[in-house]
Amino acid sequence: MALDNNEGAPIDAPILDALKGIKPNELTRYPDQLGLEVQIARSLGIDPCRVVLTNGGDDAIDRVCRAVLNPGDVMLTHSPGFVMIPRWAQLAGAEICTVEWFGDLFPREAFLCAIDQSTRLVSLISPCNPTGAVIPIDDIIAIADRCEAVGAVMMLDQAYIEYATTDPIGSLLELPNVVIVRTFSKALGGAGLRVGYAIAPEPIAAWLRTVGCPYPVSSLSIALASVIYERRKERDGIITQTRANRELLIEGLRAMGIGALESQANFVLARFDDAASVHGRLLDLGISVRRFRSGTEIDSYLRITVPANPSQLTQLIDALGAIGAT
């Protein structure tokens, strides 16, 4: 049971019927992503030029770093967070400044104080990977305003937003310096398609197109992603079940004396006396969870994807009990 990469529950098999509508000669031509960008834009009530389809959310983040950052610029982010974000910023030649955020309370004042004239990009993740915590909308807007005052861009990674209690996007779409990154890989169940997108003000969206590959997503992936997006409301039941299972997992972990953090994503971060041993013993039982590199601030934690299937959740909790995990 793979519970280490936070993929969403599988898509419905009938969605694959979309592939039957693709004519053979279409595969001889480069893919056209405009249709899916228009589809996403219409659902948000914005101009299609503001939506940039990318090769997964990862590609969108990489593009933002390359479009905004120059050697010597500063990117501000939080720790822990998605490990690839500082790597892409460093590849762009930027210096990385971090503010610790571990737990529910977001360090708003520390963030605001850390933004100065050297800051060119501020990267936030909400819900946060790997903790599952969310940033209050007032804090997001305050940071965006501070970024605008110093000429910086704010990037908000919302890969797990569908699992959160609320979605703040309506309050963010008109901010002039905010890029929102989303993906089909999590709640929409399309990780294998490698489809993501950025929502950005028109000038920044133009930058993102300039620094990216001209055809980042295949015709097959675009066709399937379009059907998935059209039928995204049909995923509500799976998302609701995942949220319910998340709370059951947290309760089950705590009942065993395991420190589990509150989460608004489709995973739970849990602390163990010997995380490496628990990780290995779960692997022996055919269950893979995410272990973190030794020497990091979260090396005593394991990140566990929440199974949407109740029977898999029972299997996971039983396995943790059987190995005496604490």
C-alpha atoms as a PDB file:
ATOM      1  CA  MET A   1       0.000   0.000   0.000  1.00  0.00           C
ATOM      2  CA  ALA A   2       1.664   3.212  -1.187  1.00  0.00           C
ATOM      3  CA  LEU A   3       1.056   5.947   1.387  1.00  0.00           C
ATOM      4  CA  ASP A   4       4.181   8.002   0.782  1.00  0.00           C
ATOM      5  CA  ASN A   5       3.448  10.374  -2.127  1.00  0.00           C
ATOM      6  CA  ASN A   6      -0.009  11.752  -1.276  1.00  0.00           C
ATOM      7  CA  GLU A   7      -1.650  10.838  -4.578  1.00  0.00           C
ATOM      8  CA  GLY A   8      -5.408  11.144  -4.655  1.00  0.00           C
ATOM      9  CA  ALA A   9      -7.841   8.237  -4.919  1.00  0.00           C
ATOM     10  CA  PRO A  10      -8.095   6.690  -8.414  1.00  0.00           C
ATOM     11  CA  ILE A  11     -10.231   8.350 -11.074  1.00  0.00           C
ATOM     12  CA  ASP A  12     -13.363   6.652 -12.350  1.00  0.00           C
ATOM     13  CA  ALA A  13     -12.600   4.228 -15.168  1.00  0.00           C
ATOM     14  CA  PRO A  14     -15.169   5.791 -17.591  1.00  0.00           C
ATOM     15  CA  ILE A  15     -13.007   8.919 -17.723  1.00  0.00           C
ATOM     16  CA  LEU A  16     -10.568   6.899 -19.820  1.00  0.00           C
ATOM     17  CA  ASP A  17     -13.205   6.827 -22.550  1.00  0.00           C
ATOM     18  CA  ALA A  18     -12.021  10.333 -23.438  1.00  0.00           C
ATOM     19  CA  LEU A  19      -9.022   8.726 -25.109  1.00  0.00           C
ATOM     20  CA  LYS A  20     -11.310   7.053 -27.636  1.00  0.00           C
ATOM     21  CA  GLY A  21     -12.255  10.471 -28.986  1.00  0.00           C
ATOM     22  CA  ILE A  22      -8.701  11.312 -29.972  1.00  0.00           C
ATOM     23  CA  LYS A  23      -8.108  10.903 -33.691  1.00  0.00           C
ATOM     24  CA  PRO A  24      -4.790   9.295 -34.728  1.00  0.00           C
ATOM     25  CA  ASN A  25      -3.738  12.340 -36.760  1.00  0.00           C
ATOM     26  CA  GLU A  26      -4.034  14.510 -33.639  1.00  0.00           C
ATOM     27  CA  LEU A  27      -1.008  12.728 -32.231  1.00  0.00           C
ATOM     28  CA  THR A  28       1.089  13.891 -35.165  1.00  0.00           C
ATOM     29  CA  ARG A  29       0.622  17.487 -34.078  1.00  0.00           C
ATOM     30  CA  TYR A  30       1.871  19.297 -31.006  1.00  0.00           C
ATOM     31  CA  PRO A  31      -0.740  19.541 -28.222  1.00  0.00           C
ATOM     32  CA  ASP A  32      -2.993  22.559 -27.788  1.00  0.00           C
ATOM     33  CA  GLN A  33      -3.382  23.461 -24.126  1.00  0.00           C
ATOM     34  CA  LEU A  34      -5.546  26.549 -24.684  1.00  0.00           C
ATOM     35  CA  GLY A  35      -8.822  24.647 -24.363  1.00  0.00           C
ATOM     36  CA  LEU A  36      -8.021  23.408 -20.852  1.00  0.00           C
ATOM     37  CA  GLU A  37      -6.708  26.827 -19.812  1.00  0.00           C
ATOM     38  CA  VAL A  38      -9.981  28.393 -20.986  1.00  0.00           C
ATOM     39  CA  GLN A  39     -11.965  25.732 -19.123  1.00  0.00           C
ATOM     40  CA  ILE A  40     -10.125  26.443 -15.856  1.00  0.00           C
ATOM     41  CA  ALA A  41     -10.313  30.208 -16.336  1.00  0.00           C
ATOM     42  CA  ARG A  42     -14.069  30.174 -16.939  1.00  0.00           C
ATOM     43  CA  SER A  43     -14.632  28.233 -13.734  1.00  0.00           C
ATOM     44  CA  LEU A  44     -12.755  30.980 -11.876  1.00  0.00           C
ATOM     45  CA  GLY A  45     -14.263  33.907 -13.760  1.00  0.00           C
ATOM     46  CA  ILE A  46     -10.924  35.208 -15.035  1.00  0.00           C
ATOM     47  CA  ASP A  47      -9.286  35.858 -18.406  1.00  0.00           C
ATOM     48  CA  PRO A  48      -7.780  32.666 -19.905  1.00  0.00           C
ATOM     49  CA  CYS A  49      -4.457  34.431 -20.439  1.00  0.00           C
ATOM     50  CA  ARG A  50      -4.017  34.290 -16.655  1.00  0.00           C
ATOM     51  CA  VAL A  51      -3.978  30.459 -16.537  1.00  0.00           C
ATOM     52  CA  VAL A  52      -0.746  28.718 -17.538  1.00  0.00           C
ATOM     53  CA  LEU A  53      -0.875  24.942 -17.955  1.00  0.00           C
ATOM     54  CA  THR A  54       2.295  23.238 -16.731  1.00  0.00           C
ATOM     55  CA  ASN A  55       3.915  19.823 -16.401  1.00  0.00           C
ATOM     56  CA  GLY A  56       2.516  19.249 -12.932  1.00  0.00           C
ATOM     57  CA  GLY A  57       2.551  21.833 -10.163  1.00  0.00           C
ATOM     58  CA  ASP A  58       6.312  21.274  -9.925  1.00  0.00           C
ATOM     59  CA  ASP A  59       6.856  22.846 -13.338  1.00  0.00           C
ATOM     60  CA  ALA A  60       4.774  25.861 -12.333  1.00  0.00           C
ATOM     61  CA  ILE A  61       6.886  26.419  -9.207  1.00  0.00           C
ATOM     62  CA  ASP A  62      10.116  26.036 -11.163  1.00  0.00           C
ATOM     63  CA  ARG A  63       8.904  28.560 -13.730  1.00  0.00           C
ATOM     64  CA  VAL A  64       8.049  31.100 -11.033  1.00  0.00           C
ATOM     65  CA  CYS A  65      11.530  30.774  -9.545  1.00  0.00           C
ATOM     66  CA  ARG A  66      13.221  31.172 -12.937  1.00  0.00           C
ATOM     67  CA  ALA A  67      10.974  34.039 -14.026  1.00  0.00           C
ATOM     68  CA  VAL A  68      11.222  36.082 -10.835  1.00  0.00           C
ATOM     69  CA  LEU A  69      14.622  35.350  -9.298  1.00  0.00           C
ATOM     70  CA  ASN A  70      18.043  36.557 -10.418  1.00  0.00           C
ATOM     71  CA  PRO A  71      21.407  35.652  -8.880  1.00  0.00           C
ATOM     72  CA  GLY A  72      21.738  37.357  -5.524  1.00  0.00           C
ATOM     73  CA  ASP A  73      17.997  37.857  -5.019  1.00  0.00           C
ATOM     74  CA  VAL A  74      16.349  36.510  -1.871  1.00  0.00           C
ATOM     75  CA  MET A  75      13.487  34.051  -1.690  1.00  0.00           C
ATOM     76  CA  LEU A  76      11.693  33.869   1.635  1.00  0.00           C
ATOM     77  CA  THR A  77       9.865  30.700   2.584  1.00  0.00           C
ATOM     78  CA  HIS A  78       8.976  28.632   5.634  1.00  0.00           C
ATOM     79  CA  SER A  79      10.513  25.518   7.115  1.00  0.00           C
ATOM     80  CA  PRO A  80       9.513  22.754   6.954  1.00  0.00           C
ATOM     81  CA  GLY A  81       8.053  22.960   3.483  1.00  0.00           C
ATOM     82  CA  PHE A  82       8.161  21.368   0.052  1.00  0.00           C
ATOM     83  CA  VAL A  83      11.860  20.574  -0.361  1.00  0.00           C
ATOM     84  CA  MET A  84      11.938  21.291  -4.110  1.00  0.00           C
ATOM     85  CA  ILE A  85      11.029  24.965  -3.756  1.00  0.00           C
ATOM     86  CA  PRO A  86      14.372  26.099  -2.240  1.00  0.00           C
ATOM     87  CA  ARG A  87      16.224  23.831  -4.671  1.00  0.00           C
ATOM     88  CA  TRP A  88      14.661  25.526  -7.695  1.00  0.00           C
ATOM     89  CA  ALA A  89      15.300  28.939  -6.153  1.00  0.00           C
ATOM     90  CA  GLN A  90      18.955  28.039  -5.634  1.00  0.00           C
ATOM     91  CA  LEU A  91      19.225  26.865  -9.246  1.00  0.00           C
ATOM     92  CA  ALA A  92      18.031  30.344 -10.218  1.00  0.00           C
ATOM     93  CA  GLY A  93      20.944  31.741  -8.185  1.00  0.00           C
ATOM     94  CA  ALA A  94      18.866  33.054  -5.302  1.00  0.00           C
ATOM     95  CA  GLU A  95      19.653  33.082  -1.607  1.00  0.00           C
ATOM     96  CA  ILE A  96      17.145  31.329   0.662  1.00  0.00           C
ATOM     97  CA  CYS A  97      15.764  32.878   3.834  1.00  0.00           C
ATOM     98  CA  THR A  98      13.475  30.760   5.998  1.00  0.00           C
ATOM     99  CA  VAL A  99      11.085  31.342   8.867  1.00  0.00           C
ATOM    100  CA  GLU A 100      10.260  28.372  11.061  1.00  0.00           C
ATOM    101  CA  TRP A 101       6.623  27.289  10.937  1.00  0.00           C
ATOM    102  CA  PHE A 102       5.965  24.078  12.757  1.00  0.00           C
ATOM    103  CA  GLY A 103       2.492  23.761  14.196  1.00  0.00           C
ATOM    104  CA  ASP A 104      -0.859  25.411  13.687  1.00  0.00           C
ATOM    105  CA  LEU A 105       0.022  29.052  14.466  1.00  0.00           C
ATOM    106  CA  PHE A 106       1.468  30.769  11.412  1.00  0.00           C
ATOM    107  CA  PRO A 107       4.362  33.174  12.239  1.00  0.00           C
ATOM    108  CA  ARG A 108       2.833  36.219  10.559  1.00  0.00           C
ATOM    109  CA  GLU A 109       4.928  38.900  12.228  1.00  0.00           C
ATOM    110  CA  ALA A 110       8.188  37.017  11.671  1.00  0.00           C
ATOM    111  CA  PHE A 111       7.337  36.737   7.991  1.00  0.00           C
ATOM    112  CA  LEU A 112       6.411  40.381   7.621  1.00  0.00           C
ATOM    113  CA  CYS A 113       9.601  41.485   9.355  1.00  0.00           C
ATOM    114  CA  ALA A 114      11.713  39.238   7.108  1.00  0.00           C
ATOM    115  CA  ILE A 115      10.455  40.834   3.874  1.00  0.00           C
ATOM    116  CA  ASP A 116      12.707  43.707   2.791  1.00  0.00           C
ATOM    117  CA  GLN A 117      14.075  45.369  -0.338  1.00  0.00           C
ATOM    118  CA  SER A 118      16.246  42.332  -1.131  1.00  0.00           C
ATOM    119  CA  THR A 119      13.237  39.998  -1.227  1.00  0.00           C
ATOM    120  CA  ARG A 120      12.028  39.129  -4.710  1.00  0.00           C
ATOM    121  CA  LEU A 121       9.891  36.061  -4.045  1.00  0.00           C
ATOM    122  CA  VAL A 122       7.943  34.821  -1.034  1.00  0.00           C
ATOM    123  CA  SER A 123       6.830  31.206  -1.201  1.00  0.00           C
ATOM    124  CA  LEU A 124       3.966  29.919   0.940  1.00  0.00           C
ATOM    125  CA  ILE A 125       2.365  26.468   1.021  1.00  0.00           C
ATOM    126  CA  SER A 126      -1.158  26.113   2.348  1.00  0.00           C
ATOM    127  CA  PRO A 127      -2.090  23.459   3.317  1.00  0.00           C
ATOM    128  CA  CYS A 128       1.562  22.985   4.102  1.00  0.00           C
ATOM    129  CA  ASN A 129       3.508  19.975   2.943  1.00  0.00           C
ATOM    130  CA  PRO A 130       4.593  18.183   5.161  1.00  0.00           C
ATOM    131  CA  THR A 131       2.640  19.410   8.211  1.00  0.00           C
ATOM    132  CA  GLY A 132      -0.883  19.857   6.821  1.00  0.00           C
ATOM    133  CA  ALA A 133      -1.310  23.247   8.532  1.00  0.00           C
ATOM    134  CA  VAL A 134      -3.036  26.154   6.782  1.00  0.00           C
ATOM    135  CA  ILE A 135      -2.293  29.870   6.644  1.00  0.00           C
ATOM    136  CA  PRO A 136      -5.194  32.192   7.593  1.00  0.00           C
ATOM    137  CA  ILE A 137      -6.396  34.287   4.679  1.00  0.00           C
ATOM    138  CA  ASP A 138      -5.729  37.552   6.556  1.00  0.00           C
ATOM    139  CA  ASP A 139      -2.084  36.531   6.956  1.00  0.00           C
ATOM    140  CA  ILE A 140      -1.785  35.624   3.269  1.00  0.00           C
ATOM    141  CA  ILE A 141      -3.166  39.003   2.213  1.00  0.00           C
ATOM    142  CA  ALA A 142      -0.951  40.869   4.690  1.00  0.00           C
ATOM    143  CA  ILE A 143       2.135  39.132   3.285  1.00  0.00           C
ATOM    144  CA  ALA A 144       1.021  39.814  -0.297  1.00  0.00           C
ATOM    145  CA  ASP A 145       0.588  43.503   0.558  1.00  0.00           C
ATOM    146  CA  ARG A 146       4.045  43.652   2.134  1.00  0.00           C
ATOM    147  CA  CYS A 147       5.498  41.941  -0.941  1.00  0.00           C
ATOM    148  CA  GLU A 148       3.852  44.483  -3.225  1.00  0.00           C
ATOM    149  CA  ALA A 149       5.342  47.321  -1.157  1.00  0.00           C
ATOM    150  CA  VAL A 150       8.891  46.067  -1.802  1.00  0.00           C
ATOM    151  CA  GLY A 151       8.306  44.915  -5.390  1.00  0.00           C
ATOM    152  CA  ALA A 152       8.230  41.190  -4.620  1.00  0.00           C
ATOM    153  CA  VAL A 153       6.041  38.376  -5.944  1.00  0.00           C
ATOM    154  CA  MET A 154       4.196  35.987  -3.638  1.00  0.00           C
ATOM    155  CA  MET A 155       3.724  32.371  -4.728  1.00  0.00           C
ATOM    156  CA  LEU A 156       1.071  30.281  -2.983  1.00  0.00           C
ATOM    157  CA  ASP A 157       1.260  26.518  -3.479  1.00  0.00           C
ATOM    158  CA  GLN A 158      -2.265  25.117  -3.082  1.00  0.00           C
ATOM    159  CA  ALA A 159      -1.645  21.519  -4.139  1.00  0.00           C
ATOM    160  CA  TYR A 160      -3.821  20.198  -1.293  1.00  0.00           C
ATOM    161  CA  ILE A 161      -6.428  22.947  -1.082  1.00  0.00           C
ATOM    162  CA  GLU A 162      -9.390  20.677  -1.913  1.00  0.00           C
ATOM    163  CA  TYR A 163      -8.875  18.847   1.388  1.00  0.00           C
ATOM    164  CA  ALA A 164      -8.958  22.055   3.459  1.00  0.00           C
ATOM    165  CA  THR A 165     -11.960  23.471   5.274  1.00  0.00           C
ATOM    166  CA  THR A 166     -12.037  26.630   3.166  1.00  0.00           C
ATOM    167  CA  ASP A 167     -10.568  27.838  -0.126  1.00  0.00           C
ATOM    168  CA  PRO A 168      -9.327  31.469  -0.058  1.00  0.00           C
ATOM    169  CA  ILE A 169      -8.878  31.823  -3.820  1.00  0.00           C
ATOM    170  CA  GLY A 170     -11.756  34.272  -4.210  1.00  0.00           C
ATOM    171  CA  SER A 171      -9.883  36.798  -2.066  1.00  0.00           C
ATOM    172  CA  LEU A 172      -6.621  36.354  -3.961  1.00  0.00           C
ATOM    173  CA  LEU A 173      -7.455  36.443  -7.664  1.00  0.00           C
ATOM    174  CA  GLU A 174      -7.302  40.229  -8.020  1.00  0.00           C
ATOM    175  CA  LEU A 175      -4.074  40.764  -6.086  1.00  0.00           C
ATOM    176  CA  PRO A 176      -1.488  42.139  -8.547  1.00  0.00           C
ATOM    177  CA  ASN A 177       1.539  40.142  -7.389  1.00  0.00           C
ATOM    178  CA  VAL A 178       0.212  36.712  -6.367  1.00  0.00           C
ATOM    179  CA  VAL A 179       0.779  33.468  -8.257  1.00  0.00           C
ATOM    180  CA  ILE A 180      -1.356  30.484  -7.221  1.00  0.00           C
ATOM    181  CA  VAL A 181      -0.135  26.990  -8.079  1.00  0.00           C
ATOM    182  CA  ARG A 182      -2.540  24.065  -8.335  1.00  0.00           C
ATOM    183  CA  THR A 183      -2.394  20.492  -9.587  1.00  0.00           C
ATOM    184  CA  PHE A 184      -4.402  17.553 -10.905  1.00  0.00           C
ATOM    185  CA  SER A 185      -2.143  15.177  -8.929  1.00  0.00           C
ATOM    186  CA  LYS A 186      -3.827  15.179  -5.532  1.00  0.00           C
ATOM    187  CA  ALA A 187      -7.587  15.503  -4.975  1.00  0.00           C
ATOM    188  CA  LEU A 188      -8.358  15.137  -8.688  1.00  0.00           C
ATOM    189  CA  GLY A 189      -6.558  11.782  -8.820  1.00  0.00           C
ATOM    190  CA  GLY A 190      -4.417  12.440 -11.899  1.00  0.00           C
ATOM    191  CA  ALA A 191      -0.827  12.246 -10.624  1.00  0.00           C
ATOM    192  CA  GLY A 192       0.255  10.133 -13.589  1.00  0.00           C
ATOM    193  CA  LEU A 193      -0.959  12.757 -16.062  1.00  0.00           C
ATOM    194  CA  ARG A 194       1.556  15.363 -14.835  1.00  0.00           C
ATOM    195  CA  VAL A 195      -0.808  18.303 -15.226  1.00  0.00           C
ATOM    196  CA  GLY A 196      -0.666  21.415 -13.097  1.00  0.00           C
ATOM    197  CA  TYR A 197      -1.308  25.088 -13.626  1.00  0.00           C
ATOM    198  CA  ALA A 198      -0.463  28.549 -12.397  1.00  0.00           C
ATOM    199  CA  ILE A 199      -3.002  31.332 -11.920  1.00  0.00           C
ATOM    200  CA  ALA A 200      -1.257  34.674 -12.168  1.00  0.00           C
ATOM    201  CA  PRO A 201      -1.782  38.340 -13.036  1.00  0.00           C
ATOM    202  CA  GLU A 202      -1.477  38.786 -16.803  1.00  0.00           C
ATOM    203  CA  PRO A 203       2.084  40.215 -16.846  1.00  0.00           C
ATOM    204  CA  ILE A 204       3.438  37.444 -14.612  1.00  0.00           C
ATOM    205  CA  ALA A 205       1.576  34.777 -16.582  1.00  0.00           C
ATOM    206  CA  ALA A 206       3.384  36.035 -19.693  1.00  0.00           C
ATOM    207  CA  TRP A 207       6.719  35.604 -17.888  1.00  0.00           C
ATOM    208  CA  LEU A 208       5.792  32.029 -16.968  1.00  0.00           C
ATOM    209  CA  ARG A 209       5.000  31.163 -20.577  1.00  0.00           C
ATOM    210  CA  THR A 210       8.302  32.673 -21.706  1.00  0.00           C
ATOM    211  CA  VAL A 211      10.494  30.613 -19.371  1.00  0.00           C
ATOM    212  CA  GLY A 212       8.665  27.313 -19.906  1.00  0.00           C
ATOM    213  CA  CYS A 213       8.706  24.702 -22.638  1.00  0.00           C
ATOM    214  CA  PRO A 214       6.214  25.471 -25.446  1.00  0.00           C
ATOM    215  CA  TYR A 215       4.394  22.115 -25.163  1.00  0.00           C
ATOM    216  CA  PRO A 216       4.744  20.943 -21.544  1.00  0.00           C
ATOM    217  CA  VAL A 217       1.750  18.568 -21.430  1.00  0.00           C
ATOM    218  CA  SER A 218       0.821  15.780 -23.862  1.00  0.00           C
ATOM    219  CA  SER A 219      -2.410  15.677 -25.863  1.00  0.00           C
ATOM    220  CA  LEU A 220      -3.479  12.525 -24.008  1.00  0.00           C
ATOM    221  CA  SER A 221      -2.984  14.154 -20.612  1.00  0.00           C
ATOM    222  CA  ILE A 222      -4.833  17.286 -21.683  1.00  0.00           C
ATOM    223  CA  ALA A 223      -7.800  15.247 -22.946  1.00  0.00           C
ATOM    224  CA  LEU A 224      -8.104  13.297 -19.711  1.00  0.00           C
ATOM    225  CA  ALA A 225      -7.485  16.340 -17.512  1.00  0.00           C
ATOM    226  CA  SER A 226     -10.267  18.222 -19.278  1.00  0.00           C
ATOM    227  CA  VAL A 227     -12.784  15.479 -18.490  1.00  0.00           C
ATOM    228  CA  ILE A 228     -11.532  15.196 -14.911  1.00  0.00           C
ATOM    229  CA  TYR A 229     -11.920  18.949 -14.427  1.00  0.00           C
ATOM    230  CA  GLU A 230     -15.394  18.963 -15.976  1.00  0.00           C
ATOM    231  CA  ARG A 231     -16.425  16.215 -13.563  1.00  0.00           C
ATOM    232  CA  ARG A 232     -14.461  17.487 -10.555  1.00  0.00           C
ATOM    233  CA  LYS A 233     -17.598  17.839  -8.441  1.00  0.00           C
ATOM    234  CA  GLU A 234     -17.997  14.067  -8.688  1.00  0.00           C
ATOM    235  CA  ARG A 235     -14.834  13.845  -6.573  1.00  0.00           C
ATOM    236  CA  ASP A 236     -16.564  15.545  -3.628  1.00  0.00           C
ATOM    237  CA  GLY A 237     -17.584  12.216  -2.094  1.00  0.00           C
ATOM    238  CA  ILE A 238     -14.029  10.866  -2.208  1.00  0.00           C
ATOM    239  CA  ILE A 239     -12.658  14.104  -0.767  1.00  0.00           C
ATOM    240  CA  THR A 240     -15.228  14.043   2.037  1.00  0.00           C
ATOM    241  CA  GLN A 241     -14.348  10.430   2.805  1.00  0.00           C
ATOM    242  CA  THR A 242     -10.656  11.277   2.848  1.00  0.00           C
ATOM    243  CA  ARG A 243     -11.272  14.113   5.318  1.00  0.00           C
ATOM    244  CA  ALA A 244     -13.268  11.776   7.562  1.00  0.00           C
ATOM    245  CA  ASN A 245     -10.572   9.095   7.359  1.00  0.00           C
ATOM    246  CA  ARG A 246      -7.959  11.732   8.175  1.00  0.00           C
ATOM    247  CA  GLU A 247      -9.669  12.462  11.481  1.00  0.00           C
ATOM    248  CA  LEU A 248     -10.007   8.749  12.210  1.00  0.00           C
ATOM    249  CA  LEU A 249      -6.305   8.267  11.501  1.00  0.00           C
ATOM    250  CA  ILE A 250      -5.349  11.132  13.812  1.00  0.00           C
ATOM    251  CA  GLU A 251      -7.575   9.685  16.539  1.00  0.00           C
ATOM    252  CA  GLY A 252      -6.138   6.200  15.998  1.00  0.00           C
ATOM    253  CA  LEU A 253      -2.557   7.433  16.154  1.00  0.00           C
ATOM    254  CA  ARG A 254      -3.160   9.440  19.313  1.00  0.00           C
ATOM    255  CA  ALA A 255      -4.914   6.491  20.933  1.00  0.00           C
ATOM    256  CA  MET A 256      -1.652   4.566  20.489  1.00  0.00           C
ATOM    257  CA  GLY A 257       0.303   7.381  22.132  1.00  0.00           C
ATOM    258  CA  ILE A 258       1.656   8.695  18.823  1.00  0.00           C
ATOM    259  CA  GLY A 259       1.881  12.462  18.407  1.00  0.00           C
ATOM    260  CA  ALA A 260      -0.112  13.317  15.297  1.00  0.00           C
ATOM    261  CA  LEU A 261      -0.444  16.881  14.035  1.00  0.00           C
ATOM    262  CA  GLU A 262      -3.764  18.362  12.979  1.00  0.00           C
ATOM    263  CA  SER A 263      -3.980  18.413   9.181  1.00  0.00           C
ATOM    264  CA  GLN A 264      -6.063  19.929   6.392  1.00  0.00           C
ATOM    265  CA  ALA A 265      -4.345  17.933   3.665  1.00  0.00           C
ATOM    266  CA  ASN A 266      -4.670  14.284   2.633  1.00  0.00           C
ATOM    267  CA  PHE A 267      -1.833  13.222   4.894  1.00  0.00           C
ATOM    268  CA  VAL A 268      -0.913  13.238   8.575  1.00  0.00           C
ATOM    269  CA  LEU A 269       2.500  14.020  10.038  1.00  0.00           C
ATOM    270  CA  ALA A 270       3.165  11.818  13.073  1.00  0.00           C
ATOM    271  CA  ARG A 271       6.063  11.662  15.521  1.00  0.00           C
ATOM    272  CA  PHE A 272       7.591   8.322  16.563  1.00  0.00           C
ATOM    273  CA  ASP A 273      10.231   7.355  19.099  1.00  0.00           C
ATOM    274  CA  ASP A 274      12.102   5.570  16.311  1.00  0.00           C
ATOM    275  CA  ALA A 275      10.723   6.739  12.973  1.00  0.00           C
ATOM    276  CA  ALA A 276      13.305   4.777  10.965  1.00  0.00           C
ATOM    277  CA  SER A 277      12.350   1.514  12.656  1.00  0.00           C
ATOM    278  CA  VAL A 278       8.611   2.096  12.208  1.00  0.00           C
ATOM    279  CA  HIS A 279       9.186   2.973   8.565  1.00  0.00           C
ATOM    280  CA  GLY A 280      11.115  -0.255   7.973  1.00  0.00           C
ATOM    281  CA  ARG A 281       8.649  -2.471   9.805  1.00  0.00           C
ATOM    282  CA  LEU A 282       5.732  -1.001   7.861  1.00  0.00           C
ATOM    283  CA  LEU A 283       7.620  -1.716   4.642  1.00  0.00           C
ATOM    284  CA  ASP A 284       7.936  -5.333   5.757  1.00  0.00           C
ATOM    285  CA  LEU A 285       4.133  -5.388   5.931  1.00  0.00           C
ATOM    286  CA  GLY A 286       3.807  -3.889   2.452  1.00  0.00           C
ATOM    287  CA  ILE A 287       2.998  -0.332   3.566  1.00  0.00           C
ATOM    288  CA  SER A 288       5.148   2.560   2.385  1.00  0.00           C
ATOM    289  CA  VAL A 289       5.047   5.919   4.194  1.00  0.00           C
ATOM    290  CA  ARG A 290       7.283   8.963   3.817  1.00  0.00           C
ATOM    291  CA  ARG A 291      10.470   9.042   5.879  1.00  0.00           C
ATOM    292  CA  PHE A 292      12.589  12.190   6.083  1.00  0.00           C
ATOM    293  CA  ARG A 293      16.330  12.580   5.773  1.00  0.00           C
ATOM    294  CA  SER A 294      18.319  12.211   8.986  1.00  0.00           C
ATOM    295  CA  GLY A 295      19.451  15.488  10.521  1.00  0.00           C
ATOM    296  CA  THR A 296      16.402  17.481   9.464  1.00  0.00           C
ATOM    297  CA  GLU A 297      13.946  19.080  11.867  1.00  0.00           C
ATOM    298  CA  ILE A 298      11.361  16.406  11.052  1.00  0.00           C
ATOM    299  CA  ASP A 299      13.540  13.272  10.980  1.00  0.00           C
ATOM    300  CA  SER A 300      11.593  11.839  13.926  1.00  0.00           C
ATOM    301  CA  TYR A 301       8.330  12.137  11.984  1.00  0.00           C
ATOM    302  CA  LEU A 302       6.662  10.075   9.276  1.00  0.00           C
ATOM    303  CA  ARG A 303       4.217  11.540   6.775  1.00  0.00           C
ATOM    304  CA  ILE A 304       1.331   9.163   6.142  1.00  0.00           C
ATOM    305  CA  THR A 305      -1.022   9.575   3.200  1.00  0.00           C
ATOM    306  CA  VAL A 306      -4.630   9.141   4.316  1.00  0.00           C
ATOM    307  CA  PRO A 307      -6.267   6.207   2.490  1.00  0.00           C
ATOM    308  CA  ALA A 308      -9.609   7.173   0.981  1.00  0.00           C
ATOM    309  CA  ASN A 309     -10.663   3.524   1.196  1.00  0.00           C
ATOM    310  CA  PRO A 310     -11.940   2.701   4.735  1.00  0.00           C
ATOM    311  CA  SER A 311     -10.636  -0.868   4.555  1.00  0.00           C
ATOM    312  CA  GLN A 312      -7.144   0.393   3.740  1.00  0.00           C
ATOM    313  CA  LEU A 313      -7.361   2.786   6.684  1.00  0.00           C
ATOM    314  CA  THR A 314      -8.226  -0.141   8.955  1.00  0.00           C
ATOM    315  CA  GLN A 315      -5.311  -2.112   7.508  1.00  0.00           C
ATOM    316  CA  LEU A 316      -2.944   0.791   8.224  1.00  0.00           C
ATOM    317  CA  ILE A 317      -4.087   1.303  11.817  1.00  0.00           C
ATOM    318  CA  ASP A 318      -3.983  -2.433  12.488  1.00  0.00           C
ATOM    319  CA  ALA A 319      -0.447  -2.600  11.091  1.00  0.00           C
ATOM    320  CA  LEU A 320       0.712   0.230  13.347  1.00  0.00           C
ATOM    321  CA  GLY A 321      -0.827  -1.555  16.316  1.00  0.00           C
ATOM    322  CA  ALA A 322       0.707  -4.868  15.342  1.00  0.00           C
ATOM    323  CA  ILE A 323       4.244  -3.468  15.280  1.00  0.00           C
ATOM    324  CA  GLY A 324       3.706  -1.604  18.547  1.00  0.00           C
ATOM    325  CA  ALA A 325       4.466   1.781  16.998  1.00  0.00           C
ATOM    326  CA  THR A 326       4.855   4.648  19.454  1.00  0.00           C
END
